[in-house]
């Protein structure tokens, strides 16, 4: 889950795995895999960075659970 903000500033948490596309029109519009669209105050770059950070944290956590000393070293197994 990532934190984003609706146009009026209300925070919401979004399942990053459901994001299909991000557009700037000029507002940021997320299209989800089920076709729903969400308009956000956050820039497309901010949303993309949060998704990347979230996915990286999942990989690091998985590596730590396997006991890897460096997460990247064991990703190719």
PDB file of N, CA and C in Angstrom:
ATOM      1  N   UNK A   1       0.835  -1.176   0.000  1.00  0.00           N
ATOM      2  CA  UNK A   1       0.000   0.000   0.000  1.00  0.00           C
ATOM      3  C   UNK A   1       0.884   1.245   0.000  1.00  0.00           C
ATOM      4  N   UNK A   2       0.437   2.243  -0.722  1.00  0.00           N
ATOM      5  CA  UNK A   2       1.143   3.527  -0.732  1.00  0.00           C
ATOM      6  C   UNK A   2       0.161   4.620  -0.313  1.00  0.00           C
ATOM      7  N   UNK A   3       0.697   5.676   0.267  1.00  0.00           N
ATOM      8  CA  UNK A   3      -0.122   6.819   0.664  1.00  0.00           C
ATOM      9  C   UNK A   3      -0.161   7.818  -0.491  1.00  0.00           C
ATOM     10  N   UNK A   4      -1.366   8.254  -0.846  1.00  0.00           N
ATOM     11  CA  UNK A   4      -1.573   9.283  -1.862  1.00  0.00           C
ATOM     12  C   UNK A   4      -2.608  10.257  -1.330  1.00  0.00           C
ATOM     13  N   UNK A   5      -2.849  11.339  -2.072  1.00  0.00           N
ATOM     14  CA  UNK A   5      -3.805  12.362  -1.627  1.00  0.00           C
ATOM     15  C   UNK A   5      -4.775  12.695  -2.742  1.00  0.00           C
ATOM     16  N   UNK A   6      -6.045  12.677  -2.401  1.00  0.00           N
ATOM     17  CA  UNK A   6      -7.059  13.099  -3.364  1.00  0.00           C
ATOM     18  C   UNK A   6      -6.894  14.595  -3.633  1.00  0.00           C
ATOM     19  N   UNK A   7      -7.595  15.117  -4.634  1.00  0.00           N
ATOM     20  CA  UNK A   7      -7.444  16.524  -5.014  1.00  0.00           C
ATOM     21  C   UNK A   7      -7.689  17.488  -3.867  1.00  0.00           C
ATOM     22  N   UNK A   8      -8.628  17.178  -2.999  1.00  0.00           N
ATOM     23  CA  UNK A   8      -8.937  18.072  -1.871  1.00  0.00           C
ATOM     24  C   UNK A   8      -7.975  17.889  -0.712  1.00  0.00           C
ATOM     25  N   UNK A   9      -6.977  17.016  -0.882  1.00  0.00           N
ATOM     26  CA  UNK A   9      -5.981  16.812   0.151  1.00  0.00           C
ATOM     27  C   UNK A   9      -6.233  15.652   1.082  1.00  0.00           C
ATOM     28  N   UNK A  10      -7.370  14.955   0.934  1.00  0.00           N
ATOM     29  CA  UNK A  10      -7.658  13.830   1.813  1.00  0.00           C
ATOM     30  C   UNK A  10      -6.680  12.694   1.516  1.00  0.00           C
ATOM     31  N   UNK A  11      -6.033  12.184   2.560  1.00  0.00           N
ATOM     32  CA  UNK A  11      -5.120  11.060   2.331  1.00  0.00           C
ATOM     33  C   UNK A  11      -5.898   9.773   2.091  1.00  0.00           C
ATOM     34  N   UNK A  12      -5.309   8.903   1.314  1.00  0.00           N
ATOM     35  CA  UNK A  12      -5.881   7.568   1.119  1.00  0.00           C
ATOM     36  C   UNK A  12      -4.735   6.599   0.875  1.00  0.00           C
ATOM     37  N   UNK A  13      -4.982   5.336   1.138  1.00  0.00           N
ATOM     38  CA  UNK A  13      -3.986   4.306   0.884  1.00  0.00           C
ATOM     39  C   UNK A  13      -4.445   3.505  -0.316  1.00  0.00           C
ATOM     40  N   UNK A  14      -3.504   3.232  -1.192  1.00  0.00           N
ATOM     41  CA  UNK A  14      -3.801   2.602  -2.470  1.00  0.00           C
ATOM     42  C   UNK A  14      -2.969   1.339  -2.623  1.00  0.00           C
ATOM     43  N   UNK A  15      -3.605   0.268  -3.072  1.00  0.00           N
ATOM     44  CA  UNK A  15      -2.878  -0.958  -3.378  1.00  0.00           C
ATOM     45  C   UNK A  15      -2.094  -0.720  -4.662  1.00  0.00           C
ATOM     46  N   UNK A  16      -0.785  -0.619  -4.544  1.00  0.00           N
ATOM     47  CA  UNK A  16       0.072  -0.277  -5.688  1.00  0.00           C
ATOM     48  C   UNK A  16      -0.011  -1.313  -6.806  1.00  0.00           C
ATOM     49  N   UNK A  17      -0.370  -2.545  -6.482  1.00  0.00           N
ATOM     50  CA  UNK A  17      -0.456  -3.594  -7.498  1.00  0.00           C
ATOM     51  C   UNK A  17      -1.664  -3.413  -8.417  1.00  0.00           C
ATOM     52  N   UNK A  18      -2.585  -2.535  -8.062  1.00  0.00           N
ATOM     53  CA  UNK A  18      -3.783  -2.320  -8.875  1.00  0.00           C
ATOM     54  C   UNK A  18      -3.640  -1.176  -9.872  1.00  0.00           C
ATOM     55  N   UNK A  19      -2.507  -0.462  -9.840  1.00  0.00           N
ATOM     56  CA  UNK A  19      -2.303   0.676 -10.734  1.00  0.00           C
ATOM     57  C   UNK A  19      -1.907   0.171 -12.117  1.00  0.00           C
ATOM     58  N   UNK A  20      -2.702   0.555 -13.106  1.00  0.00           N
ATOM     59  CA  UNK A  20      -2.399   0.194 -14.490  1.00  0.00           C
ATOM     60  C   UNK A  20      -1.633   1.307 -15.197  1.00  0.00           C
ATOM     61  N   UNK A  21      -2.056   2.566 -14.975  1.00  0.00           N
ATOM     62  CA  UNK A  21      -1.353   3.680 -15.610  1.00  0.00           C
ATOM     63  C   UNK A  21      -1.512   4.941 -14.769  1.00  0.00           C
ATOM     64  N   UNK A  22      -0.572   5.884 -15.016  1.00  0.00           N
ATOM     65  CA  UNK A  22      -0.582   7.180 -14.340  1.00  0.00           C
ATOM     66  C   UNK A  22      -0.448   8.232 -15.429  1.00  0.00           C
ATOM     67  N   UNK A  23      -1.371   9.206 -15.436  1.00  0.00           N
ATOM     68  CA  UNK A  23      -1.345  10.269 -16.441  1.00  0.00           C
ATOM     69  C   UNK A  23      -1.334  11.633 -15.757  1.00  0.00           C
ATOM     70  N   UNK A  24      -0.766  12.614 -16.439  1.00  0.00           N
ATOM     71  CA  UNK A  24      -0.849  14.004 -16.003  1.00  0.00           C
ATOM     72  C   UNK A  24      -1.674  14.737 -17.045  1.00  0.00           C
ATOM     73  N   UNK A  25      -2.890  15.177 -16.672  1.00  0.00           N
ATOM     74  CA  UNK A  25      -3.823  15.719 -17.683  1.00  0.00           C
ATOM     75  C   UNK A  25      -4.476  17.053 -17.350  1.00  0.00           C
ATOM     76  N   UNK A  26      -4.085  18.068 -16.718  1.00  0.00           N
ATOM     77  CA  UNK A  26      -2.862  18.249 -15.938  1.00  0.00           C
ATOM     78  C   UNK A  26      -2.930  17.638 -14.547  1.00  0.00           C
ATOM     79  N   UNK A  27      -4.127  17.295 -14.065  1.00  0.00           N
ATOM     80  CA  UNK A  27      -4.194  16.595 -12.779  1.00  0.00           C
ATOM     81  C   UNK A  27      -3.668  15.181 -12.967  1.00  0.00           C
ATOM     82  N   UNK A  28      -3.206  14.599 -11.887  1.00  0.00           N
ATOM     83  CA  UNK A  28      -2.728  13.221 -11.944  1.00  0.00           C
ATOM     84  C   UNK A  28      -3.936  12.292 -11.901  1.00  0.00           C
ATOM     85  N   UNK A  29      -4.041  11.440 -12.907  1.00  0.00           N
ATOM     86  CA  UNK A  29      -5.142  10.487 -12.993  1.00  0.00           C
ATOM     87  C   UNK A  29      -4.559   9.084 -13.005  1.00  0.00           C
ATOM     88  N   UNK A  30      -4.957   8.289 -12.001  1.00  0.00           N
ATOM     89  CA  UNK A  30      -4.559   6.887 -11.956  1.00  0.00           C
ATOM     90  C   UNK A  30      -5.672   6.061 -12.575  1.00  0.00           C
ATOM     91  N   UNK A  31      -5.313   5.133 -13.423  1.00  0.00           N
ATOM     92  CA  UNK A  31      -6.276   4.161 -13.919  1.00  0.00           C
ATOM     93  C   UNK A  31      -5.907   2.836 -13.274  1.00  0.00           C
ATOM     94  N   UNK A  32      -6.899   2.216 -12.638  1.00  0.00           N
ATOM     95  CA  UNK A  32      -6.675   0.940 -11.976  1.00  0.00           C
ATOM     96  C   UNK A  32      -6.982  -0.201 -12.940  1.00  0.00           C
ATOM     97  N   UNK A  33      -6.546  -1.399 -12.603  1.00  0.00           N
ATOM     98  CA  UNK A  33      -6.713  -2.540 -13.502  1.00  0.00           C
ATOM     99  C   UNK A  33      -8.175  -2.868 -13.776  1.00  0.00           C
ATOM    100  N   UNK A  34      -9.083  -2.448 -12.894  1.00  0.00           N
ATOM    101  CA  UNK A  34     -10.507  -2.706 -13.127  1.00  0.00           C
ATOM    102  C   UNK A  34     -11.192  -1.571 -13.888  1.00  0.00           C
ATOM    103  N   UNK A  35     -10.398  -0.571 -14.339  1.00  0.00           N
ATOM    104  CA  UNK A  35     -10.944   0.528 -15.128  1.00  0.00           C
ATOM    105  C   UNK A  35     -11.321   1.762 -14.338  1.00  0.00           C
ATOM    106  N   UNK A  36     -11.375   1.654 -13.010  1.00  0.00           N
ATOM    107  CA  UNK A  36     -11.695   2.832 -12.204  1.00  0.00           C
ATOM    108  C   UNK A  36     -10.585   3.858 -12.342  1.00  0.00           C
ATOM    109  N   UNK A  37     -10.961   5.131 -12.236  1.00  0.00           N
ATOM    110  CA  UNK A  37      -9.996   6.214 -12.333  1.00  0.00           C
ATOM    111  C   UNK A  37     -10.053   7.036 -11.051  1.00  0.00           C
ATOM    112  N   UNK A  38      -8.886   7.461 -10.590  1.00  0.00           N
ATOM    113  CA  UNK A  38      -8.770   8.253  -9.375  1.00  0.00           C
ATOM    114  C   UNK A  38      -7.939   9.492  -9.703  1.00  0.00           C
ATOM    115  N   UNK A  39      -8.449  10.672  -9.319  1.00  0.00           N
ATOM    116  CA  UNK A  39      -7.723  11.919  -9.544  1.00  0.00           C
ATOM    117  C   UNK A  39      -6.999  12.274  -8.249  1.00  0.00           C
ATOM    118  N   UNK A  40      -5.696  12.567  -8.370  1.00  0.00           N
ATOM    119  CA  UNK A  40      -4.859  12.812  -7.198  1.00  0.00           C
ATOM    120  C   UNK A  40      -4.203  14.179  -7.237  1.00  0.00           C
ATOM    121  N   UNK A  41      -3.840  14.662  -6.044  1.00  0.00           N
ATOM    122  CA  UNK A  41      -3.080  15.903  -5.926  1.00  0.00           C
ATOM    123  C   UNK A  41      -1.592  15.640  -6.118  1.00  0.00           C
ATOM    124  N   UNK A  42      -1.142  14.417  -5.848  1.00  0.00           N
ATOM    125  CA  UNK A  42       0.266  14.056  -5.984  1.00  0.00           C
ATOM    126  C   UNK A  42       0.646  14.017  -7.467  1.00  0.00           C
ATOM    127  N   UNK A  43       1.901  14.361  -7.755  1.00  0.00           N
ATOM    128  CA  UNK A  43       2.366  14.323  -9.140  1.00  0.00           C
ATOM    129  C   UNK A  43       2.580  12.864  -9.581  1.00  0.00           C
ATOM    130  N   UNK A  44       2.552  12.620 -10.899  1.00  0.00           N
ATOM    131  CA  UNK A  44       2.821  11.266 -11.381  1.00  0.00           C
ATOM    132  C   UNK A  44       4.185  10.748 -10.912  1.00  0.00           C
ATOM    133  N   UNK A  45       5.185  11.629 -10.864  1.00  0.00           N
ATOM    134  CA  UNK A  45       6.520  11.227 -10.423  1.00  0.00           C
ATOM    135  C   UNK A  45       6.516  10.793  -8.956  1.00  0.00           C
ATOM    136  N   UNK A  46       5.767  11.523  -8.117  1.00  0.00           N
ATOM    137  CA  UNK A  46       5.677  11.157  -6.699  1.00  0.00           C
ATOM    138  C   UNK A  46       5.026   9.794  -6.538  1.00  0.00           C
ATOM    139  N   UNK A  47       3.952   9.564  -7.268  1.00  0.00           N
ATOM    140  CA  UNK A  47       3.248   8.280  -7.184  1.00  0.00           C
ATOM    141  C   UNK A  47       4.157   7.153  -7.670  1.00  0.00           C
ATOM    142  N   UNK A  48       4.820   7.356  -8.794  1.00  0.00           N
ATOM    143  CA  UNK A  48       5.722   6.328  -9.329  1.00  0.00           C
ATOM    144  C   UNK A  48       6.849   6.040  -8.347  1.00  0.00           C
ATOM    145  N   UNK A  49       7.417   7.088  -7.734  1.00  0.00           N
ATOM    146  CA  UNK A  49       8.488   6.890  -6.752  1.00  0.00           C
ATOM    147  C   UNK A  49       7.997   6.096  -5.554  1.00  0.00           C
ATOM    148  N   UNK A  50       6.780   6.366  -5.092  1.00  0.00           N
ATOM    149  CA  UNK A  50       6.234   5.622  -3.944  1.00  0.00           C
ATOM    150  C   UNK A  50       6.014   4.154  -4.302  1.00  0.00           C
ATOM    151  N   UNK A  51       5.553   3.892  -5.521  1.00  0.00           N
ATOM    152  CA  UNK A  51       5.356   2.507  -5.958  1.00  0.00           C
ATOM    153  C   UNK A  51       6.701   1.785  -6.009  1.00  0.00           C
ATOM    154  N   UNK A  52       7.720   2.437  -6.561  1.00  0.00           N
ATOM    155  CA  UNK A  52       9.055   1.837  -6.638  1.00  0.00           C
ATOM    156  C   UNK A  52       9.601   1.554  -5.244  1.00  0.00           C
ATOM    157  N   UNK A  53       9.469   2.515  -4.335  1.00  0.00           N
ATOM    158  CA  UNK A  53       9.940   2.330  -2.960  1.00  0.00           C
ATOM    159  C   UNK A  53       9.205   1.184  -2.279  1.00  0.00           C
ATOM    160  N   UNK A  54       7.888   1.103  -2.487  1.00  0.00           N
ATOM    161  CA  UNK A  54       7.108   0.032  -1.877  1.00  0.00           C
ATOM    162  C   UNK A  54       7.572  -1.329  -2.382  1.00  0.00           C
ATOM    163  N   UNK A  55       7.717  -1.461  -3.688  1.00  0.00           N
ATOM    164  CA  UNK A  55       8.131  -2.750  -4.260  1.00  0.00           C
ATOM    165  C   UNK A  55       9.542  -3.122  -3.830  1.00  0.00           C
ATOM    166  N   UNK A  56      10.428  -2.136  -3.734  1.00  0.00           N
ATOM    167  CA  UNK A  56      11.787  -2.407  -3.256  1.00  0.00           C
ATOM    168  C   UNK A  56      11.756  -2.892  -1.811  1.00  0.00           C
ATOM    169  N   UNK A  57      10.891  -2.297  -0.992  1.00  0.00           N
ATOM    170  CA  UNK A  57      10.799  -2.720   0.409  1.00  0.00           C
ATOM    171  C   UNK A  57      10.286  -4.150   0.525  1.00  0.00           C
ATOM    172  N   UNK A  58       9.411  -4.553  -0.385  1.00  0.00           N
ATOM    173  CA  UNK A  58       8.918  -5.934  -0.389  1.00  0.00           C
ATOM    174  C   UNK A  58      10.069  -6.887  -0.707  1.00  0.00           C
ATOM    175  N   UNK A  59      10.897  -6.548  -1.697  1.00  0.00           N
ATOM    176  CA  UNK A  59      12.034  -7.395  -2.051  1.00  0.00           C
ATOM    177  C   UNK A  59      13.043  -7.494  -0.911  1.00  0.00           C
ATOM    178  N   UNK A  60      13.306  -6.368  -0.245  1.00  0.00           N
ATOM    179  CA  UNK A  60      14.242  -6.371   0.885  1.00  0.00           C
ATOM    180  C   UNK A  60      13.692  -7.241   2.009  1.00  0.00           C
ATOM    181  N   UNK A  61      12.414  -7.107   2.314  1.00  0.00           N
ATOM    182  CA  UNK A  61      11.804  -7.909   3.385  1.00  0.00           C
ATOM    183  C   UNK A  61      11.851  -9.392   3.057  1.00  0.00           C
ATOM    184  N   UNK A  62      11.590  -9.750   1.808  1.00  0.00           N
ATOM    185  CA  UNK A  62      11.635 -11.151   1.397  1.00  0.00           C
ATOM    186  C   UNK A  62      13.051 -11.703   1.542  1.00  0.00           C
ATOM    187  N   UNK A  63      14.040 -10.915   1.148  1.00  0.00           N
ATOM    188  CA  UNK A  63      15.431 -11.351   1.274  1.00  0.00           C
ATOM    189  C   UNK A  63      15.817 -11.519   2.740  1.00  0.00           C
ATOM    190  N   UNK A  64      15.358 -10.614   3.581  1.00  0.00           N
ATOM    191  CA  UNK A  64      15.660 -10.716   5.012  1.00  0.00           C
ATOM    192  C   UNK A  64      15.032 -11.962   5.613  1.00  0.00           C
ATOM    193  N   UNK A  65      13.835 -12.305   5.182  1.00  0.00           N
ATOM    194  CA  UNK A  65      13.180 -13.516   5.688  1.00  0.00           C
ATOM    195  C   UNK A  65      13.942 -14.774   5.279  1.00  0.00           C
ATOM    196  N   UNK A  66      14.583 -14.726   4.108  1.00  0.00           N
ATOM    197  CA  UNK A  66      15.384 -15.866   3.650  1.00  0.00           C
ATOM    198  C   UNK A  66      16.758 -15.879   4.296  1.00  0.00           C
ATOM    199  N   UNK A  67      17.099 -14.821   5.027  1.00  0.00           N
ATOM    200  CA  UNK A  67      18.388 -14.751   5.691  1.00  0.00           C
ATOM    201  C   UNK A  67      19.507 -14.266   4.810  1.00  0.00           C
ATOM    202  N   UNK A  68      19.183 -13.565   3.740  1.00  0.00           N
ATOM    203  CA  UNK A  68      20.203 -13.055   2.830  1.00  0.00           C
ATOM    204  C   UNK A  68      20.951 -11.899   3.485  1.00  0.00           C
ATOM    205  N   UNK A  69      22.271 -11.865   3.301  1.00  0.00           N
ATOM    206  CA  UNK A  69      23.037 -10.763   3.857  1.00  0.00           C
ATOM    207  C   UNK A  69      22.865  -9.499   2.998  1.00  0.00           C
ATOM    208  N   UNK A  70      22.750  -9.678   1.685  1.00  0.00           N
ATOM    209  CA  UNK A  70      22.449  -8.556   0.786  1.00  0.00           C
ATOM    210  C   UNK A  70      21.276  -8.970  -0.081  1.00  0.00           C
ATOM    211  N   UNK A  71      20.194  -8.204  -0.058  1.00  0.00           N
ATOM    212  CA  UNK A  71      18.982  -8.583  -0.787  1.00  0.00           C
ATOM    213  C   UNK A  71      19.211  -8.825  -2.276  1.00  0.00           C
ATOM    214  N   UNK A  72      20.027  -8.031  -2.925  1.00  0.00           N
ATOM    215  CA  UNK A  72      20.214  -8.155  -4.360  1.00  0.00           C
ATOM    216  C   UNK A  72      20.948  -9.438  -4.712  1.00  0.00           C
ATOM    217  N   UNK A  73      21.835  -9.880  -3.856  1.00  0.00           N
ATOM    218  CA  UNK A  73      22.640 -11.060  -4.142  1.00  0.00           C
ATOM    219  C   UNK A  73      21.792 -12.303  -4.346  1.00  0.00           C
ATOM    220  N   UNK A  74      20.643 -12.386  -3.677  1.00  0.00           N
ATOM    221  CA  UNK A  74      19.841 -13.600  -3.759  1.00  0.00           C
ATOM    222  C   UNK A  74      18.605 -13.471  -4.635  1.00  0.00           C
ATOM    223  N   UNK A  75      18.432 -12.363  -5.326  1.00  0.00           N
ATOM    224  CA  UNK A  75      17.260 -12.183  -6.183  1.00  0.00           C
ATOM    225  C   UNK A  75      17.297 -13.085  -7.411  1.00  0.00           C
ATOM    226  N   UNK A  76      18.475 -13.517  -7.825  1.00  0.00           N
ATOM    227  CA  UNK A  76      18.606 -14.284  -9.062  1.00  0.00           C
ATOM    228  C   UNK A  76      18.583 -15.785  -8.824  1.00  0.00           C
ATOM    229  N   UNK A  77      18.230 -16.223  -7.646  1.00  0.00           N
ATOM    230  CA  UNK A  77      18.183 -17.658  -7.359  1.00  0.00           C
ATOM    231  C   UNK A  77      16.887 -18.261  -7.811  1.00  0.00           C
TER     232      UNK A  77
END
